[in-house]
C-alpha cells in the first residue's frame, strides 16, 4: 500500500482575468486544474526555459499558490514546518513557523506535514499543517488566527492528515475524516469562528475511514454544494448547514477494509467524476438535480467503469476525461465513459495533479519528468521534459509561467 500525499490541496473559487492569471489554490482559478494562459513552454530542461530556481529549506509537497507578485507554499525547515512567501522573481520575502513537526515523515519518507497547499485571495493566505493546525495569515506574514482540528477528535490515521479546506465566498469548509472523527466543519474565513459542524458517516471498517482526499465546491444549477470524498462514499452537502443532498454508492464493491480514498473527484458544472482506489470503479453523474442515492438506478448517473486512478484526480478538457497514475494515460468520452485510448507516458510514480492550458495537458512524475500531451480524442505526446528534482506537488500556472515545486527547488519555467 502506498501513501499519496500530493492529493491534498486547498480549493477556492475566484474570478480572474485571462491575462496575467493568478493561481490562488491547488487546482487553479476554477477548481478544475485549468488555466487560461496561452503560449506556455512545452519544452524545458535544467538549462532551457528556466527563469530561476530557489533552494527550498526542506521537503514539502504543497503546490505553490500565486497571486500577483507573491507565491505561497509550506516546507519542512529543520525541526519545523514553515509558511514561505516568495516573490515572482525568486526571492524569499518572509517565513513563519507553523509547527515543530518538520522531522515527521510518512510512508517511508514519501511525505510530511508540509503536504497541504496554501490558498490566497490576495489579502490573506490560509494553510493546514499535518499536526492539525489550520492557520490564517495576512499576505504580509502577520498571524490572524489559528485552529487545532484535533479538537474534533484526536487524529487516528495511518499515514497522516493531508486533507485541506475549501475557501468559498468568505467561508472555509473542511472534512475531518479519520478513525477518530467523521465530520464536516464550516468556519468564517477571516475570523476562524465555527459556523456549523455535522457528522458525515461512512460505513467503512479498518483503514477505510482514513481519508487523504480533499473536499471541493460544486457550482452549478441548484448549487453550490460541498463535495466530500472518503470512507467508501462521495457526498454532496448544502453550504448553509451541511445537510446531505446526495451520496455516491458502490465505490467499495467488495467491502475491502483497506479501501482508502486519495484521488479526488473531478467537479464541473455539468459533470462530476468520482474515482475510488485499488482498481475499483469510477462513477460519473450529472449533478444538476441529483438527489439521494447515486447508483446505476439513478437517472443522473451517466457511466460507471471498472477502472480508477488511485492518486491523481481526473481532468476534463472539452468532451474528454483523462486519467493517469504510474504511467498509463487513459482518455474516455465524458458523456459515455467509452475508452478512446490508453497509452504509456513516463513510467514512474505520479503524485502531482494534472493541469491543462491552451489545449495541452501537463503530467508531472515524481522522478522529475513532465509529459506534455495534446488534448483530444487521439493520443499525441508533444514532449517529455526532465528536471533533476523530486516532485510530489502539482504544477501551478500564472502570468505565462509554470511553477514546479520540488523537494530541492522551486522552479520557474517560462520565457518572460
Protein backbone atom coordinates (compact mmCIF):
# COMPACT_ATOMS: atom_id res chain seq x y z
CA UNK A 1 0.00 0.00 0.00
CA UNK A 2 1.28 3.42 -0.87
CA UNK A 3 0.72 6.88 0.55
CA UNK A 4 -0.15 9.64 -1.80
CA UNK A 5 0.28 12.93 -0.07
CA UNK A 6 0.06 15.02 -3.19
CA UNK A 7 -3.66 14.51 -3.28
CA UNK A 8 -4.14 17.19 -0.67
CA UNK A 9 -4.70 20.80 -1.61
CA UNK A 10 -6.75 23.91 -0.90
CA UNK A 11 -9.71 24.54 -3.19
CA UNK A 12 -11.04 28.07 -3.76
CA UNK A 13 -13.27 29.68 -6.35
CA UNK A 14 -12.08 33.01 -7.77
CA UNK A 15 -12.72 35.06 -10.89
CA UNK A 16 -9.51 36.24 -12.56
CA UNK A 17 -8.55 37.79 -15.85
CA UNK A 18 -7.41 35.60 -18.71
CA UNK A 19 -4.14 37.53 -18.95
CA UNK A 20 -1.64 37.53 -16.06
CA UNK A 21 -3.89 34.98 -14.38
CA UNK A 22 -3.40 34.07 -10.72
CA UNK A 23 -3.22 30.51 -9.41
CA UNK A 24 -4.80 31.06 -5.99
CA UNK A 25 -5.00 27.43 -4.90
CA UNK A 26 -4.04 23.83 -5.53
CA UNK A 27 -6.20 23.15 -8.61
CA UNK A 28 -6.29 26.59 -10.15
CA UNK A 29 -8.70 29.52 -10.54
CA UNK A 30 -11.78 27.43 -11.34
CA UNK A 31 -11.09 24.41 -9.14
CA UNK A 32 -10.61 22.09 -12.12
CA UNK A 33 -6.89 22.12 -12.95
CA UNK A 34 -7.31 24.56 -15.87
CA UNK A 35 -5.53 27.78 -16.72
CA UNK A 36 -6.47 30.35 -19.36
CA UNK A 37 -2.82 31.14 -20.08
CA UNK A 38 -1.62 30.85 -23.69
CA UNK A 39 1.81 30.25 -25.16
CA UNK A 40 3.29 28.35 -22.23
CA UNK A 41 6.54 26.46 -22.79
CA UNK A 42 6.21 22.83 -23.83
CA UNK A 43 9.94 22.13 -23.63
CA UNK A 44 12.37 22.74 -20.78
CA UNK A 45 15.39 21.30 -19.00
CA UNK A 46 17.76 22.43 -16.26
CA UNK A 47 19.35 24.87 -18.74
CA UNK A 48 16.42 25.67 -21.08
CA UNK A 49 13.43 27.92 -20.33
CA UNK A 50 14.29 28.10 -16.63
CA UNK A 51 13.84 31.69 -15.43
CA UNK A 52 15.07 30.93 -11.90
CA UNK A 53 15.16 28.28 -9.23
CA UNK A 54 15.06 28.84 -5.46
CA UNK A 55 16.53 26.36 -2.99
CA UNK A 56 13.89 25.00 -0.62
CA UNK A 57 14.69 24.76 3.11
CA UNK A 58 13.42 21.17 3.19
CA UNK A 59 10.94 18.64 1.85
CA UNK A 60 7.36 19.53 1.01
CA UNK A 61 4.53 18.62 -1.35
CA UNK A 62 2.43 21.79 -1.23
CA UNK A 63 1.60 23.26 -4.61
CA UNK A 64 2.52 26.96 -4.94
CA UNK A 65 -0.34 29.45 -4.65
CA UNK A 66 0.35 32.54 -6.76
CA UNK A 67 -1.30 35.95 -6.51
CA UNK A 68 0.21 38.97 -8.21
CA UNK A 69 3.90 39.10 -7.31
CA UNK A 70 3.64 36.68 -4.36
CA UNK A 71 4.00 32.89 -4.15
CA UNK A 72 2.96 30.97 -1.03
CA UNK A 73 3.95 27.42 -0.04
CA UNK A 74 4.85 25.35 3.02
CA UNK A 75 8.02 23.38 3.68
CA UNK A 76 9.97 21.48 6.25
CA UNK A 77 12.81 23.58 7.66
CA UNK A 78 14.91 21.52 10.06
CA UNK A 79 12.69 20.72 13.04
CA UNK A 80 9.90 23.00 11.84
CA UNK A 81 7.18 23.31 9.23
CA UNK A 82 7.16 26.84 7.83
CA UNK A 83 5.00 29.03 5.62
CA UNK A 84 7.04 30.77 2.91
CA UNK A 85 6.28 33.85 0.86
CA UNK A 86 8.44 34.11 -2.27
CA UNK A 87 8.40 36.89 -4.86
CA UNK A 88 7.85 36.02 -8.51
CA UNK A 89 11.46 36.99 -9.16
CA UNK A 90 12.59 34.11 -6.94
CA UNK A 91 13.43 35.92 -3.69
CA UNK A 92 12.19 34.84 -0.25
CA UNK A 93 10.05 37.61 1.28
CA UNK A 94 9.17 36.18 4.68
CA UNK A 95 8.91 32.92 6.60
CA UNK A 96 6.68 31.93 9.54
CA UNK A 97 6.93 28.84 11.72
CA UNK A 98 3.75 26.74 11.73
CA UNK A 99 4.73 23.67 13.79
CA UNK A 100 7.69 21.76 15.21
CA UNK A 101 6.93 18.62 13.17
CA UNK A 102 9.46 19.17 10.38
CA UNK A 103 11.18 15.84 11.08
CA UNK A 104 7.96 13.80 10.87
CA UNK A 105 7.78 11.62 7.73
CA UNK A 106 5.09 9.31 6.39
CA UNK A 107 5.22 6.07 4.41
CA UNK A 108 8.95 5.67 4.04
CA UNK A 109 9.60 9.38 3.67
CA UNK A 110 7.15 9.86 0.82
CA UNK A 111 5.56 12.86 2.51
CA UNK A 112 5.45 15.06 5.58
CA UNK A 113 3.33 17.70 7.33
CA UNK A 114 4.01 20.23 4.53
CA UNK A 115 1.71 18.44 2.10
CA UNK A 116 -1.37 20.67 2.01
CA UNK A 117 -1.28 23.63 -0.35
CA UNK A 118 -1.93 27.23 0.58
CA UNK A 119 -4.87 29.27 -0.65
CA UNK A 120 -4.97 33.04 -1.04
CA UNK A 121 -7.36 35.80 -2.05
CA UNK A 122 -4.65 38.45 -2.34
CA UNK A 123 -5.27 39.76 1.20
CA UNK A 124 -4.95 36.62 3.32
CA UNK A 125 -3.32 33.22 2.99
CA UNK A 126 -4.68 30.05 4.60
CA UNK A 127 -2.96 26.74 5.09
CA UNK A 128 -3.24 23.47 7.00
CA UNK A 129 -0.43 21.59 8.75
CA UNK A 130 -0.50 17.83 9.28
CA UNK A 131 -0.36 18.17 13.09
CA UNK A 132 -3.83 19.73 12.96
CA UNK A 133 -3.11 23.47 12.78
CA UNK A 134 -5.36 25.43 10.43
CA UNK A 135 -3.97 28.97 10.14
CA UNK A 136 -4.70 32.32 8.52
CA UNK A 137 -2.03 34.98 7.85
CA UNK A 138 -2.10 38.28 6.03
CA UNK A 139 -0.12 38.24 2.80
CA UNK A 140 2.48 40.33 4.69
CA UNK A 141 3.07 37.50 7.16
CA UNK A 142 1.01 38.58 10.19
CA UNK A 143 -0.93 35.86 12.04
CA UNK A 144 -4.69 36.42 12.02
CA UNK A 145 -5.95 33.22 13.65
CA UNK A 146 -5.24 29.53 14.12
CA UNK A 147 -7.35 26.48 14.96
CA UNK A 148 -6.43 22.99 16.09
CA UNK A 149 -8.54 20.48 14.14
CA UNK A 150 -7.65 17.78 16.67
CA UNK A 151 -10.29 19.45 18.86
CA UNK A 152 -12.79 17.48 16.73
CA UNK A 153 -11.12 14.20 17.64
CA UNK A 154 -7.54 13.16 18.23
CA UNK A 155 -6.03 12.20 14.89
CA UNK A 156 -6.01 8.46 14.26
CA UNK A 157 -4.93 7.84 10.68
CA UNK A 158 -2.29 5.55 9.27
CA UNK A 159 -0.32 7.97 7.08
CA UNK A 160 -1.02 11.43 8.47
CA UNK A 161 -3.62 14.12 7.78
CA UNK A 162 -3.28 15.89 4.44
CA UNK A 163 -6.84 16.90 3.53
CA UNK A 164 -7.38 20.63 3.27
CA UNK A 165 -10.27 23.11 3.47
CA UNK A 166 -12.24 24.79 0.73
CA UNK A 167 -12.31 28.60 0.70
CA UNK A 168 -15.53 29.89 -0.83
CA UNK A 169 -17.24 33.29 -0.54
CA UNK A 170 -15.75 34.16 2.82
CA UNK A 171 -16.03 30.74 4.49
CA UNK A 172 -13.77 27.72 4.94
CA UNK A 173 -15.16 24.19 4.71
CA UNK A 174 -13.13 21.23 5.96
CA UNK A 175 -13.64 17.49 6.15
CA UNK A 176 -12.09 15.97 9.27
CA UNK A 177 -12.19 12.29 8.36
CA UNK A 178 -10.13 9.60 10.10
CA UNK A 179 -10.76 6.72 12.51
CA UNK A 180 -11.34 9.15 15.38
CA UNK A 181 -13.77 11.52 13.65
CA UNK A 182 -16.01 11.75 10.59
CA UNK A 183 -17.10 15.38 10.41
CA UNK A 184 -17.63 18.34 8.12
CA UNK A 185 -17.00 21.77 9.64
CA UNK A 186 -17.52 25.31 8.34
CA UNK A 187 -15.58 28.36 9.55
CA UNK A 188 -15.73 32.08 8.89
CA UNK A 189 -12.53 32.58 6.88
CA UNK A 190 -11.29 35.89 8.32
CA UNK A 191 -12.01 35.08 11.98
CA UNK A 192 -11.88 31.28 12.32
CA UNK A 193 -15.29 31.30 14.01
CA UNK A 194 -17.09 27.95 13.66
CA UNK A 195 -20.33 28.28 11.72
CA UNK A 196 -21.50 24.66 11.89
CA UNK A 197 -20.36 21.08 12.18
CA UNK A 198 -22.13 17.89 11.13
CA UNK A 199 -21.34 14.21 11.30
CA UNK A 200 -20.61 12.73 7.89
CA UNK A 201 -20.79 8.96 8.47
CA UNK A 202 -19.45 6.23 6.25
CA UNK A 203 -19.65 2.51 6.80
CA UNK A 204 -16.05 1.55 6.14
CA UNK A 205 -14.01 -0.56 8.51
CA UNK A 206 -10.33 -0.99 9.20
CA UNK A 207 -8.34 1.50 7.14
CA UNK A 208 -11.29 2.73 5.06
CA UNK A 209 -12.19 5.69 7.36
CA UNK A 210 -8.67 7.09 6.72
CA UNK A 211 -9.21 9.81 4.12
CA UNK A 212 -6.41 11.53 2.19
CA UNK A 213 -8.60 13.27 -0.39
CA UNK A 214 -9.77 16.89 -0.10
CA UNK A 215 -13.23 18.48 -0.41
CA UNK A 216 -14.44 20.66 -3.29
CA UNK A 217 -17.18 23.16 -4.05
CA UNK A 218 -19.59 22.34 -6.86
CA UNK A 219 -21.10 25.35 -8.61
CA UNK A 220 -23.96 24.66 -10.95
CA UNK A 221 -27.71 24.95 -11.35
CA UNK A 222 -29.16 24.25 -7.91
CA UNK A 223 -25.78 24.69 -6.19
CA UNK A 224 -23.40 25.43 -4.68
CA UNK A 225 -22.68 22.26 -2.72
CA UNK A 226 -19.77 20.98 -0.67
CA UNK A 227 -18.42 17.72 -2.12
CA UNK A 228 -16.82 15.39 0.46
CA UNK A 229 -14.96 12.24 -0.54
CA UNK A 230 -13.96 9.49 1.89
CA UNK A 231 -14.90 6.44 3.96
CA UNK A 232 -16.33 4.49 0.98
CA UNK A 233 -18.59 7.30 -0.30
CA UNK A 234 -18.71 10.64 -2.09
CA UNK A 235 -21.37 13.04 -0.81
CA UNK A 236 -22.82 16.48 -1.62
CA UNK A 237 -23.87 18.90 1.14
CA UNK A 238 -25.63 22.25 1.48
CA UNK A 239 -23.28 25.07 2.39
CA UNK A 240 -25.54 26.76 4.94
CA UNK A 241 -25.89 23.80 7.31
CA UNK A 242 -24.05 20.74 5.96
CA UNK A 243 -27.23 18.80 5.13
CA UNK A 244 -26.54 15.87 2.80
CA UNK A 245 -28.17 16.09 -0.65
CA UNK A 246 -26.74 13.06 -2.50
CA UNK A 247 -24.41 10.12 -1.89
CA UNK A 248 -22.49 8.03 -4.46
CA UNK A 249 -22.71 4.29 -3.68
CA UNK A 250 -20.75 1.27 -4.84
CA UNK A 251 -17.25 2.75 -4.62
CA UNK A 252 -16.07 -0.15 -2.43
CA UNK A 253 -17.93 -3.06 -4.04
CA UNK A 254 -16.07 -5.79 -2.13
CA UNK A 255 -16.18 -4.11 1.30
CA UNK A 256 -12.39 -4.07 1.36
CA UNK A 257 -11.18 -2.82 4.76
CA UNK A 258 -8.13 -1.16 3.14
CA UNK A 259 -10.24 0.98 0.78
CA UNK A 260 -8.87 4.47 1.49
CA UNK A 261 -9.52 7.40 -0.86
CA UNK A 262 -6.67 9.58 -2.13
CA UNK A 263 -7.68 10.61 -5.64
CA UNK A 264 -10.19 13.48 -5.57
CA UNK A 265 -13.35 13.91 -7.64
CA UNK A 266 -13.40 15.98 -10.80
CA UNK A 267 -16.07 18.62 -10.16
CA UNK A 268 -17.52 20.66 -13.04
CA UNK A 269 -20.90 22.33 -13.55
CA UNK A 270 -22.43 19.52 -15.62
CA UNK A 271 -20.27 16.53 -14.69
CA UNK A 272 -18.80 15.07 -11.51
CA UNK A 273 -16.40 12.14 -11.92
CA UNK A 274 -15.75 10.15 -8.73
CA UNK A 275 -12.71 7.84 -8.53
CA UNK A 276 -12.14 5.16 -5.89
CA UNK A 277 -8.93 3.14 -5.42
CA UNK A 278 -7.21 -0.24 -5.87
CA UNK A 279 -8.55 -0.85 -9.42
CA UNK A 280 -12.08 -0.11 -8.24
CA UNK A 281 -14.84 1.75 -10.10
CA UNK A 282 -15.05 5.31 -11.37
CA UNK A 283 -18.53 6.85 -11.41
CA UNK A 284 -19.70 9.84 -13.44
CA UNK A 285 -23.01 11.61 -12.93
CA UNK A 286 -24.84 14.78 -13.89
CA UNK A 287 -25.01 16.86 -10.68
CA UNK A 288 -27.87 19.18 -11.64
CA UNK A 289 -30.94 17.94 -9.76
CA UNK A 290 -29.09 14.97 -8.26
CA UNK A 291 -30.59 13.74 -5.02
CA UNK A 292 -30.43 10.76 -2.73
CA UNK A 293 -28.65 7.56 -3.68
CA UNK A 294 -26.41 7.84 -6.78
CA UNK A 295 -26.16 4.35 -8.28
CA UNK A 296 -26.96 2.70 -11.65
CA UNK A 297 -30.70 3.06 -10.92
CA UNK A 298 -30.46 6.84 -10.54
CA UNK A 299 -31.23 8.73 -13.77
CA UNK A 300 -28.40 11.20 -13.04
CA UNK A 301 -25.70 8.53 -13.24
CA UNK A 302 -24.05 8.66 -16.67
CA UNK A 303 -21.49 5.87 -16.53
CA UNK A 304 -19.62 3.54 -14.23
CA UNK A 305 -16.39 1.88 -15.38
CA UNK A 306 -14.20 -0.78 -13.75
CA UNK A 307 -11.06 1.34 -13.69
CA UNK A 308 -9.87 4.16 -11.48
CA UNK A 309 -6.93 6.42 -10.78
CA UNK A 310 -5.60 5.69 -7.31
CA UNK A 311 -3.92 9.03 -6.61
CA UNK A 312 -4.15 11.59 -9.41
CA UNK A 313 -7.56 13.20 -9.88
CA UNK A 314 -9.22 13.03 -13.31
CA UNK A 315 -9.11 16.11 -15.53
CA UNK A 316 -11.52 17.10 -18.29
CA UNK A 317 -10.81 19.04 -21.48
CA UNK A 318 -13.97 19.66 -23.52
CA UNK A 319 -15.65 16.26 -24.15
CA UNK A 320 -12.82 14.02 -22.91
CA UNK A 321 -11.87 12.93 -19.36
CA UNK A 322 -8.28 11.86 -18.72
CA UNK A 323 -6.82 9.55 -16.05
CA UNK A 324 -3.28 8.65 -15.09
CA UNK A 325 -1.28 7.22 -12.20
CA UNK A 326 2.01 5.43 -12.72
CA UNK A 327 2.47 5.70 -16.46
CA UNK A 328 -0.63 4.62 -18.42
CA UNK A 329 -2.58 7.64 -19.69
CA UNK A 330 -6.24 6.95 -20.45
CA UNK A 331 -8.82 9.07 -22.26
CA UNK A 332 -12.56 8.37 -22.08
CA UNK A 333 -15.60 10.04 -23.59
CA UNK A 334 -17.06 12.41 -20.98
CA UNK A 335 -20.68 11.50 -21.81
CA UNK A 336 -20.38 7.71 -22.02
CA UNK A 337 -17.14 6.63 -20.34
CA UNK A 338 -16.12 4.80 -23.52
CA UNK A 339 -12.35 4.42 -23.69
CA UNK A 340 -10.78 6.41 -26.53
CA UNK A 341 -7.18 5.36 -25.94
CA UNK A 342 -4.74 4.08 -23.34
CA UNK A 343 -1.09 4.95 -23.90
CA UNK A 344 2.15 4.81 -21.92
CA UNK A 345 3.70 8.00 -20.59
CA UNK A 346 6.81 8.24 -18.43
CA UNK A 347 6.79 5.02 -16.44
CA UNK A 348 7.16 6.34 -12.90
CA UNK A 349 5.14 7.22 -9.82
CA UNK A 350 2.71 10.07 -10.40
CA UNK A 351 1.54 12.02 -7.34
CA UNK A 352 1.10 15.54 -8.78
CA UNK A 353 -2.27 16.52 -10.18
CA UNK A 354 -2.57 17.12 -13.93
CA UNK A 355 -3.04 20.66 -15.22
CA UNK A 356 -4.35 21.88 -18.58
CA UNK A 357 -3.75 25.06 -20.57
CA UNK A 358 -4.03 26.13 -24.21
CA UNK A 359 -5.27 22.69 -25.31
CA UNK A 360 -2.41 20.83 -23.64
CA UNK A 361 -2.18 18.63 -20.54
CA UNK A 362 0.88 18.65 -18.28
CA UNK A 363 1.58 15.44 -16.34
CA UNK A 364 4.44 15.56 -13.82
CA UNK A 365 6.04 12.42 -12.37
CA UNK A 366 7.90 12.01 -9.08
CA UNK A 367 11.19 11.38 -10.93
CA UNK A 368 11.24 14.89 -12.42
CA UNK A 369 9.73 14.11 -15.84
CA UNK A 370 6.79 16.13 -17.18
CA UNK A 371 4.96 14.79 -20.21
CA UNK A 372 3.05 17.31 -22.32
CA UNK A 373 0.12 15.81 -24.24
CA UNK A 374 -2.15 17.44 -26.80
CA UNK A 375 -5.76 17.30 -25.63
CA UNK A 376 -8.10 15.46 -27.97
CA UNK A 377 -9.67 12.13 -28.83
CA UNK A 378 -6.45 10.70 -30.26
CA UNK A 379 -3.12 10.44 -28.45
CA UNK A 380 -0.35 12.89 -29.29
CA UNK A 381 2.59 13.39 -26.92
CA UNK A 382 4.27 16.73 -27.60
CA UNK A 383 7.32 16.40 -25.35
CA UNK A 384 8.87 14.89 -22.23
CA UNK A 385 10.88 17.26 -20.05
CA UNK A 386 13.19 16.29 -17.19
CA UNK A 387 14.46 18.24 -14.18
CA UNK A 388 16.89 16.92 -11.53
CA UNK A 389 14.46 17.02 -8.61
CA UNK A 390 11.68 15.05 -6.88
CA UNK A 391 8.11 16.24 -7.50
CA UNK A 392 5.05 15.41 -5.41
CA UNK A 393 3.48 18.88 -5.66
CA UNK A 394 1.24 19.79 -8.58
CA UNK A 395 2.21 22.41 -11.16
CA UNK A 396 0.93 25.98 -10.79
CA UNK A 397 0.42 28.28 -13.80
CA UNK A 398 0.43 32.06 -13.53
CA UNK A 399 1.40 35.03 -15.70
CA UNK A 400 2.94 33.00 -18.50
CA UNK A 401 4.92 30.71 -16.22
CA UNK A 402 4.76 27.15 -14.93
CA UNK A 403 5.90 26.78 -11.33
CA UNK A 404 7.13 23.33 -10.29
CA UNK A 405 7.86 22.78 -6.63
CA UNK A 406 10.38 20.00 -5.99
CA UNK A 407 11.84 18.71 -2.78
CA UNK A 408 15.05 20.60 -3.56
CA UNK A 409 13.97 23.69 -5.52
CA UNK A 410 11.06 25.85 -6.59
CA UNK A 411 11.43 26.13 -10.39
CA UNK A 412 10.03 28.96 -12.53
CA UNK A 413 9.59 27.81 -16.14
CA UNK A 414 8.87 30.33 -18.87
CA UNK A 415 10.18 32.69 -21.49
CA UNK A 416 9.48 36.01 -19.74
